[in-house]
Structures are given as structure tokens and as C-alpha cells.
Amino acid sequence: MHPVGPADAAGDGMIVDLREQARAARIAVPSPPTALQRPALGTWTGRMCNEYRSASVFEALATQLADTLGEDHEAVTTVRDFADEERKHGVLCGAVVESLGGQARAEIADPPPFPLHADAHPLEGALRNLLSVSCLSETVAVSLIGAEREDMPDGPLKDLLTEIWADECGHAHAGWKLVAELLPDDDALKQRLGEYLAVALGHLEVHELAHLPEDAVWPEGANTWGLCSGLDARALFYETVEGVILPGLERMGLPANRAWAERRAP
């Protein structure tokens, strides 16, 4: 999860090492069959990295909001709290990795530089990032994680995923609310944000489909470890964009349907 800007290039890489914290938080996870051991470890290691790395996005967004709205604005504290929650999510996912017999340590690509959108007024730049982070990425996360937890049997793993899902709901809701509060009644600005959305939506589609492979098909019972059908998740992604995100943006006066029709990857 990261906002889209003109300089979206990853760095050389970084190490995420959460072994100590994750081992302290280990939970009781049933041992998967041999055929599912590797996929389960890969899924939860990927979640660990993605969740932990998302903290840097919220930290940068909080700094941008402080520069734009003032350090005392309530949103700044809220978004900084979101960064703490993402780090906690990383540890929780790492706990699952450790419980499955793996190690909560991985090398990942550095996140792309956080876009400050120097080509736009500070408020417009902040709105772009809020749209990308909360209205797009976090809203999709709410939908996908929610479906995964619904499919899981009751138990510690479902409880853990429910905790993460509840936080993600808060991230999405707060972002939508803040965009609605900050968005001025300015038709020219809304049209420019629509042009940005064409790029952000294109990037969202490419990013999500890359992480939802069509050949991810698992035997019955794989949902116990949070493994889901790639095809089902892809269908849910499009349902979320077309049934939740676009109508919500249109209600704000943003030309989201046109942006989706004209979407392009950056």
C-alpha cells in the first residue's frame, strides 16, 4: 500500500526482522498439511512485510498533513496512530509465521519514495495521497481481508485477522471522512483530482492483480490458514472498486467513473 506519484521507483531493499517480537506473540496455529506448509508461510510472510512497510506510508502522510493542516490538527495524530497499528499488524503476522515453523524475517524492496506532489498546491497534494491510501488501497484491503476472515473457521487465527481487519476499517473510514471534510467546492480541483485518479486506479489494479494470482487454487480446508482463491479475490477486487469506491468518489463530485474508464498504470 502506497500512494502514487511521478517517482514510483523502489530502492535496493531492506530487512524486516520481527523475530523477537513475533516469538513473544506466538499463537496456537494448527499445522497445515505438507502441501500447504509453503503457501501458508509465504502468505503470512508477505502479509507481515506489507503490513509493517505500510507504517512508513502513514508516517509520511502524517508529516504531509502536519505541514498542510498544522501539527495540532486531529488528523495528524490519528494517522500517526495508524502507523503504530500497521507495525503491530506486522508483528501479528510474524507471530503466525513463527507459529507455522518459519522465521519472521525477510528481505523486501524499499518502498517507493512518498510522493509530495510538488506540481500541486499542498492541499491538493495531500488529497491525492489520502485518496490513494485510504479511499483506494485501504478500502480494497477491508474488502479482501473481510472476505478471508469470513471464510476462516473460528479460532485464534481468525481472531487475529479480525483484529487486523477492524483496524483497516478504521484507516479507510478516517481517510474517506477527511477527504470529504477537506475537499473544497472547486470544480477545477475536482477535475484535476479525477485526472490523478486515472493513474491511481490504474496502479491499484496492476498492484492488486499482481498479488492475486489466477492460479492460486487450494484444496478444501485451506481457508483454515488464510489461503484464498485468486480468482475469487480478483472478482471481489472489481466488485469493491465498481460497487464501493467509484460511487463513493462520485458522491464527492469527483469524476471517478471516467477515471476508471480511462485508467492507466503510471
Protein backbone atom coordinates (compact mmCIF):
# COMPACT_ATOMS: atom_id res chain seq x y z
CA MET A 1 0.00 0.00 0.00
CA HIS A 2 1.45 3.32 -1.06
CA PRO A 3 0.31 6.48 -2.80
CA VAL A 4 1.15 7.01 -6.44
CA GLY A 5 3.47 9.72 -7.63
CA PRO A 6 5.77 10.54 -10.53
CA ALA A 7 8.81 8.89 -8.92
CA ASP A 8 7.49 5.46 -8.05
CA ALA A 9 10.75 3.53 -8.14
CA ALA A 10 11.76 1.04 -5.46
CA GLY A 11 15.12 1.16 -3.74
CA ASP A 12 17.65 -1.63 -3.29
CA GLY A 13 15.96 -3.42 -0.40
CA MET A 14 15.58 -3.61 3.34
CA ILE A 15 15.44 -6.27 6.05
CA VAL A 16 12.30 -6.72 8.11
CA ASP A 17 13.29 -8.65 11.24
CA LEU A 18 10.45 -9.11 13.71
CA ARG A 19 11.57 -12.43 15.18
CA GLU A 20 11.89 -11.32 18.79
CA GLN A 21 8.54 -9.52 18.92
CA ALA A 22 6.77 -12.20 16.90
CA ARG A 23 8.03 -15.03 19.10
CA ALA A 24 6.68 -13.22 22.14
CA ALA A 25 3.27 -13.05 20.42
CA ARG A 26 3.12 -16.58 19.01
CA ILE A 27 -0.34 -18.09 18.82
CA ALA A 28 -1.71 -21.60 18.55
CA VAL A 29 -1.98 -22.40 14.85
CA PRO A 30 -2.82 -25.90 13.61
CA SER A 31 -0.10 -27.48 11.49
CA PRO A 32 -1.07 -27.39 7.82
CA PRO A 33 -0.72 -30.45 5.58
CA THR A 34 2.66 -30.71 3.88
CA ALA A 35 1.29 -29.42 0.57
CA LEU A 36 0.05 -26.22 2.24
CA GLN A 37 3.03 -25.54 4.51
CA ARG A 38 4.95 -23.45 1.98
CA PRO A 39 1.97 -21.49 0.65
CA ALA A 40 0.81 -20.69 4.18
CA LEU A 41 4.28 -19.49 5.19
CA GLY A 42 4.56 -17.43 2.00
CA THR A 43 1.15 -15.84 2.51
CA TRP A 44 1.80 -14.80 6.10
CA THR A 45 5.36 -13.68 5.43
CA GLY A 46 4.05 -11.48 2.63
CA ARG A 47 1.38 -10.07 4.92
CA MET A 48 3.98 -9.40 7.60
CA CYS A 49 6.14 -7.41 5.18
CA ASN A 50 3.27 -5.50 3.60
CA GLU A 51 1.71 -4.53 6.92
CA TYR A 52 4.98 -3.47 8.51
CA ARG A 53 6.08 -1.49 5.47
CA SER A 54 2.75 0.34 5.40
CA ALA A 55 3.76 2.09 8.64
CA SER A 56 6.22 4.24 6.71
CA VAL A 57 3.43 5.38 4.38
CA PHE A 58 1.26 6.56 7.25
CA GLU A 59 4.22 8.26 8.93
CA ALA A 60 4.96 10.19 5.73
CA LEU A 61 1.27 11.01 5.26
CA ALA A 62 1.09 12.32 8.84
CA THR A 63 4.07 14.58 8.17
CA GLN A 64 2.46 15.87 4.98
CA LEU A 65 -0.81 16.54 6.81
CA ALA A 66 1.05 18.36 9.60
CA ASP A 67 2.77 20.57 7.02
CA THR A 68 -0.55 21.24 5.27
CA LEU A 69 -3.05 21.46 8.13
CA GLY A 70 -0.85 22.19 11.13
CA GLU A 71 0.70 19.90 13.71
CA ASP A 72 -2.29 20.30 16.05
CA HIS A 73 -4.85 19.01 13.56
CA GLU A 74 -6.61 15.92 14.87
CA ALA A 75 -5.92 14.02 11.64
CA VAL A 76 -2.17 14.17 12.22
CA THR A 77 -2.37 12.26 15.49
CA THR A 78 -4.88 9.83 14.01
CA VAL A 79 -2.68 8.96 11.05
CA ARG A 80 0.39 8.55 13.29
CA ASP A 81 -1.64 6.09 15.34
CA PHE A 82 -2.35 4.20 12.10
CA ALA A 83 1.40 3.81 11.57
CA ASP A 84 1.67 2.17 15.01
CA GLU A 85 -1.21 -0.15 14.14
CA GLU A 86 0.48 -1.23 10.90
CA ARG A 87 3.65 -2.10 12.80
CA LYS A 88 1.52 -4.11 15.22
CA HIS A 89 -0.08 -5.91 12.28
CA GLY A 90 3.37 -6.81 11.00
CA VAL A 91 4.25 -8.36 14.36
CA LEU A 92 0.95 -10.27 14.49
CA CYS A 93 1.52 -11.69 11.01
CA GLY A 94 5.09 -12.50 12.01
CA ALA A 95 3.71 -14.40 15.01
CA VAL A 96 1.76 -16.60 12.59
CA VAL A 97 4.93 -17.17 10.54
CA GLU A 98 6.79 -18.26 13.68
CA SER A 99 3.87 -20.46 14.77
CA LEU A 100 3.93 -22.16 11.36
CA GLY A 101 7.60 -23.02 11.81
CA GLY A 102 9.10 -20.14 9.84
CA GLN A 103 11.11 -17.09 10.83
CA ALA A 104 9.64 -13.59 10.99
CA ARG A 105 12.47 -12.14 8.95
CA ALA A 106 12.53 -11.22 5.27
CA GLU A 107 14.28 -9.02 2.76
CA ILE A 108 11.96 -6.76 0.82
CA ALA A 109 12.24 -3.94 -1.66
CA ASP A 110 12.37 -0.46 -0.22
CA PRO A 111 9.03 1.33 -0.56
CA PRO A 112 8.83 3.83 -3.40
CA PRO A 113 9.52 7.44 -2.39
CA PHE A 114 6.48 9.04 -0.81
CA PRO A 115 5.07 11.46 -3.40
CA LEU A 116 4.79 15.03 -2.18
CA HIS A 117 3.25 16.18 -5.49
CA ALA A 118 5.30 19.36 -5.86
CA ASP A 119 3.33 20.14 -9.02
CA ALA A 120 0.20 20.80 -6.93
CA HIS A 121 -0.94 23.07 -4.11
CA PRO A 122 -0.15 21.44 -0.71
CA LEU A 123 -3.82 20.70 -0.01
CA GLU A 124 -4.28 19.11 -3.43
CA GLY A 125 -1.17 17.01 -2.89
CA ALA A 126 -2.47 15.81 0.47
CA LEU A 127 -5.85 14.98 -1.06
CA ARG A 128 -4.17 12.92 -3.77
CA ASN A 129 -2.38 10.83 -1.17
CA LEU A 130 -5.45 10.46 1.04
CA LEU A 131 -7.42 9.25 -1.96
CA SER A 132 -4.75 6.75 -2.94
CA VAL A 133 -4.07 5.43 0.55
CA SER A 134 -7.47 5.35 2.24
CA CYS A 135 -10.14 5.59 -0.42
CA LEU A 136 -8.40 3.12 -2.74
CA SER A 137 -5.84 0.83 -1.08
CA GLU A 138 -7.28 0.59 2.41
CA THR A 139 -10.83 0.18 1.11
CA VAL A 140 -9.72 -2.77 -1.01
CA ALA A 141 -7.85 -4.21 1.99
CA VAL A 142 -11.01 -4.01 4.10
CA SER A 143 -12.92 -5.95 1.48
CA LEU A 144 -10.32 -8.65 0.85
CA ILE A 145 -9.36 -9.21 4.49
CA GLY A 146 -13.01 -9.20 5.48
CA ALA A 147 -13.76 -11.96 3.00
CA GLU A 148 -10.78 -14.01 4.18
CA ARG A 149 -11.79 -13.83 7.83
CA GLU A 150 -15.40 -14.74 6.98
CA ASP A 151 -14.15 -17.92 5.30
CA MET A 152 -11.93 -18.96 8.22
CA PRO A 153 -13.14 -21.29 10.96
CA ASP A 154 -13.40 -19.87 14.47
CA GLY A 155 -10.15 -19.85 16.38
CA PRO A 156 -7.05 -17.81 17.23
CA LEU A 157 -6.09 -17.20 13.60
CA LYS A 158 -9.50 -15.81 12.73
CA ASP A 159 -9.40 -13.66 15.86
CA LEU A 160 -6.03 -12.26 14.80
CA LEU A 161 -7.23 -11.49 11.28
CA THR A 162 -10.38 -9.90 12.72
CA GLU A 163 -8.21 -7.54 14.80
CA ILE A 164 -6.25 -6.51 11.71
CA TRP A 165 -9.45 -6.10 9.68
CA ALA A 166 -11.03 -3.86 12.33
CA ASP A 167 -8.01 -1.55 12.25
CA GLU A 168 -8.08 -1.43 8.45
CA CYS A 169 -11.75 -0.44 8.60
CA GLY A 170 -10.72 2.48 10.78
CA HIS A 171 -7.96 3.51 8.36
CA ALA A 172 -10.33 3.53 5.42
CA HIS A 173 -13.20 5.26 7.23
CA ALA A 174 -10.99 8.03 8.62
CA GLY A 175 -9.48 8.72 5.21
CA TRP A 176 -12.85 8.93 3.46
CA LYS A 177 -14.11 11.24 6.19
CA LEU A 178 -11.07 13.51 5.99
CA VAL A 179 -11.23 13.78 2.19
CA ALA A 180 -14.90 14.79 2.44
CA GLU A 181 -14.02 17.43 5.05
CA LEU A 182 -11.02 18.87 3.22
CA LEU A 183 -12.30 18.78 -0.36
CA PRO A 184 -13.30 22.34 -1.32
CA ASP A 185 -16.20 23.16 -3.61
CA ASP A 186 -13.86 23.74 -6.52
CA ASP A 187 -14.80 22.16 -9.85
CA ALA A 188 -11.36 22.73 -11.38
CA LEU A 189 -9.67 20.98 -8.45
CA LYS A 190 -12.09 18.07 -8.65
CA GLN A 191 -11.33 17.64 -12.34
CA ARG A 192 -7.59 17.61 -11.62
CA LEU A 193 -8.12 15.03 -8.91
CA GLY A 194 -10.06 12.98 -11.44
CA GLU A 195 -7.03 13.05 -13.73
CA TYR A 196 -4.89 11.85 -10.84
CA LEU A 197 -7.39 9.09 -10.06
CA ALA A 198 -6.99 7.69 -13.58
CA VAL A 199 -3.35 6.98 -12.72
CA ALA A 200 -4.01 5.90 -9.12
CA LEU A 201 -6.75 3.48 -10.15
CA GLY A 202 -4.58 2.05 -12.91
CA HIS A 203 -1.78 1.48 -10.44
CA LEU A 204 -4.18 -0.05 -7.91
CA GLU A 205 -5.42 -2.57 -10.47
CA VAL A 206 -1.91 -3.61 -11.54
CA HIS A 207 -0.69 -3.86 -7.94
CA GLU A 208 -3.65 -5.87 -6.64
CA LEU A 209 -3.79 -8.33 -9.55
CA ALA A 210 -0.06 -8.97 -9.19
CA HIS A 211 -0.74 -10.13 -5.63
CA LEU A 212 -3.85 -12.16 -6.53
CA PRO A 213 -2.61 -14.82 -8.98
CA GLU A 214 -5.26 -16.60 -11.00
CA ASP A 215 -3.59 -19.96 -10.40
CA ALA A 216 -3.94 -19.69 -6.61
CA VAL A 217 -6.32 -22.62 -6.18
CA TRP A 218 -6.28 -24.59 -2.93
CA PRO A 219 -7.88 -27.81 -1.68
CA GLU A 220 -10.84 -27.77 0.68
CA GLY A 221 -9.85 -26.62 4.14
CA ALA A 222 -7.04 -24.31 3.02
CA ASN A 223 -9.06 -21.35 4.32
CA THR A 224 -8.07 -22.53 7.81
CA TRP A 225 -4.68 -20.90 7.19
CA GLY A 226 -5.97 -17.85 5.34
CA LEU A 227 -5.38 -19.20 1.83
CA CYS A 228 -7.98 -17.97 -0.64
CA SER A 229 -8.85 -18.42 -4.29
CA GLY A 230 -7.05 -15.93 -6.51
CA LEU A 231 -9.96 -15.82 -8.94
CA ASP A 232 -12.48 -15.13 -6.18
CA ALA A 233 -10.26 -12.39 -4.74
CA ARG A 234 -9.88 -10.78 -8.17
CA ALA A 235 -13.64 -10.76 -8.63
CA LEU A 236 -14.06 -9.19 -5.19
CA PHE A 237 -11.47 -6.53 -6.05
CA TYR A 238 -13.50 -5.40 -9.07
CA GLU A 239 -16.75 -5.55 -7.09
CA THR A 240 -15.20 -3.30 -4.45
CA VAL A 241 -13.89 -0.76 -6.94
CA GLU A 242 -17.05 -0.61 -9.01
CA GLY A 243 -19.59 -1.03 -6.20
CA VAL A 244 -17.98 0.90 -3.33
CA ILE A 245 -15.05 3.09 -4.33
CA LEU A 246 -16.34 4.68 -7.54
CA PRO A 247 -19.82 5.52 -6.18
CA GLY A 248 -18.27 6.98 -3.03
CA LEU A 249 -15.93 9.22 -5.00
CA GLU A 250 -18.70 10.27 -7.38
CA ARG A 251 -20.82 11.38 -4.41
CA MET A 252 -17.99 13.77 -3.54
CA GLY A 253 -18.21 15.27 -7.00
CA LEU A 254 -15.08 13.57 -8.33
CA PRO A 255 -15.22 12.13 -11.87
CA ALA A 256 -14.31 8.64 -10.68
CA ASN A 257 -16.27 6.65 -13.28
CA ARG A 258 -14.47 8.48 -16.06
CA ALA A 259 -11.14 7.98 -14.29
CA TRP A 260 -11.78 4.23 -14.05
CA ALA A 261 -12.72 4.04 -17.72
CA GLU A 262 -9.52 5.93 -18.60
CA ARG A 263 -7.30 4.26 -16.00
CA ARG A 264 -3.65 3.72 -16.83
CA ALA A 265 -0.68 2.44 -14.89
CA PRO A 266 1.95 5.08 -14.05
